[in-house]
Amino acid sequence: MESFLQEKIESLRFEMNDRACKHGSLTDERVVYVSQQLDRYIFVYQKLQRKRDKRK
């Protein structure tokens, strides 16, 4: 699960940067959409990390 999340996060980061370059703005709705997806995956990843750290 953790490696899947890491790969998805990296993929979305690349896609967000690519769209920002293509559309010339970080506030373009297509860039914001990907950014929101990225935020969700980062949140889930951080939650997983905290849960794992608590077990140690």
C-alpha atoms as a PDB file:
ATOM      1  CA  MET A   1       0.000   0.000   0.000  1.00  0.00           C
ATOM      2  CA  GLU A   2       2.757   2.417   0.941  1.00  0.00           C
ATOM      3  CA  SER A   3       4.684   1.924  -2.294  1.00  0.00           C
ATOM      4  CA  PHE A   4       1.472   2.320  -4.313  1.00  0.00           C
ATOM      5  CA  LEU A   5       0.799   5.644  -2.579  1.00  0.00           C
ATOM      6  CA  GLN A   6       4.365   6.835  -3.166  1.00  0.00           C
ATOM      7  CA  GLU A   7       4.137   6.007  -6.864  1.00  0.00           C
ATOM      8  CA  LYS A   8       0.720   7.661  -7.192  1.00  0.00           C
ATOM      9  CA  ILE A   9       1.969  10.797  -5.427  1.00  0.00           C
ATOM     10  CA  GLU A  10       4.980  11.060  -7.710  1.00  0.00           C
ATOM     11  CA  SER A  11       2.820  10.465 -10.767  1.00  0.00           C
ATOM     12  CA  LEU A  12       0.355  13.179  -9.750  1.00  0.00           C
ATOM     13  CA  ARG A  13       3.190  15.617  -8.963  1.00  0.00           C
ATOM     14  CA  PHE A  14       4.570  15.084 -12.436  1.00  0.00           C
ATOM     15  CA  GLU A  15       1.126  15.474 -13.999  1.00  0.00           C
ATOM     16  CA  MET A  16       0.409  18.664 -12.022  1.00  0.00           C
ATOM     17  CA  ASN A  17       3.724  20.224 -13.055  1.00  0.00           C
ATOM     18  CA  ASP A  18       3.180  19.164 -16.655  1.00  0.00           C
ATOM     19  CA  ARG A  19      -0.300  20.701 -16.766  1.00  0.00           C
ATOM     20  CA  ALA A  20       0.917  23.882 -15.092  1.00  0.00           C
ATOM     21  CA  CYS A  21       3.575  24.266 -17.779  1.00  0.00           C
ATOM     22  CA  LYS A  22       1.109  23.531 -20.592  1.00  0.00           C
ATOM     23  CA  HIS A  23      -1.554  25.905 -19.314  1.00  0.00           C
ATOM     24  CA  GLY A  24       0.798  28.540 -17.933  1.00  0.00           C
ATOM     25  CA  SER A  25      -0.855  28.828 -14.532  1.00  0.00           C
ATOM     26  CA  LEU A  26      -1.048  27.022 -11.226  1.00  0.00           C
ATOM     27  CA  THR A  27      -4.603  28.299 -10.840  1.00  0.00           C
ATOM     28  CA  ASP A  28      -5.924  26.764 -14.058  1.00  0.00           C
ATOM     29  CA  GLU A  29      -8.855  24.495 -13.147  1.00  0.00           C
ATOM     30  CA  ARG A  30      -7.153  21.460 -14.737  1.00  0.00           C
ATOM     31  CA  VAL A  31      -4.050  22.020 -12.603  1.00  0.00           C
ATOM     32  CA  VAL A  32      -6.103  22.615  -9.462  1.00  0.00           C
ATOM     33  CA  TYR A  33      -8.035  19.395 -10.061  1.00  0.00           C
ATOM     34  CA  VAL A  34      -4.829  17.340 -10.127  1.00  0.00           C
ATOM     35  CA  SER A  35      -3.505  19.267  -7.138  1.00  0.00           C
ATOM     36  CA  GLN A  36      -6.599  18.329  -5.145  1.00  0.00           C
ATOM     37  CA  GLN A  37      -6.152  14.673  -6.053  1.00  0.00           C
ATOM     38  CA  LEU A  38      -2.525  14.915  -4.991  1.00  0.00           C
ATOM     39  CA  ASP A  39      -3.545  16.458  -1.666  1.00  0.00           C
ATOM     40  CA  ARG A  40      -5.874  13.534  -0.978  1.00  0.00           C
ATOM     41  CA  TYR A  41      -3.180  10.944  -1.649  1.00  0.00           C
ATOM     42  CA  ILE A  42      -0.641  12.831   0.459  1.00  0.00           C
ATOM     43  CA  PHE A  43      -3.167  12.978   3.301  1.00  0.00           C
ATOM     44  CA  VAL A  44      -3.768   9.215   3.135  1.00  0.00           C
ATOM     45  CA  TYR A  45      -0.020   8.557   2.976  1.00  0.00           C
ATOM     46  CA  GLN A  46       0.664  10.762   6.009  1.00  0.00           C
ATOM     47  CA  LYS A  47      -2.162   9.115   7.929  1.00  0.00           C
ATOM     48  CA  LEU A  48      -0.673   5.712   7.150  1.00  0.00           C
ATOM     49  CA  GLN A  49       2.770   6.911   8.259  1.00  0.00           C
ATOM     50  CA  ARG A  50       1.417   8.222  11.582  1.00  0.00           C
ATOM     51  CA  LYS A  51      -0.401   4.975  12.205  1.00  0.00           C
ATOM     52  CA  ARG A  52       2.766   3.006  11.489  1.00  0.00           C
ATOM     53  CA  ASP A  53       4.875   5.269  13.735  1.00  0.00           C
ATOM     54  CA  LYS A  54       2.458   4.809  16.627  1.00  0.00           C
ATOM     55  CA  ARG A  55       2.954   1.049  16.491  1.00  0.00           C
ATOM     56  CA  LYS A  56       6.708   1.388  17.024  1.00  0.00           C
END
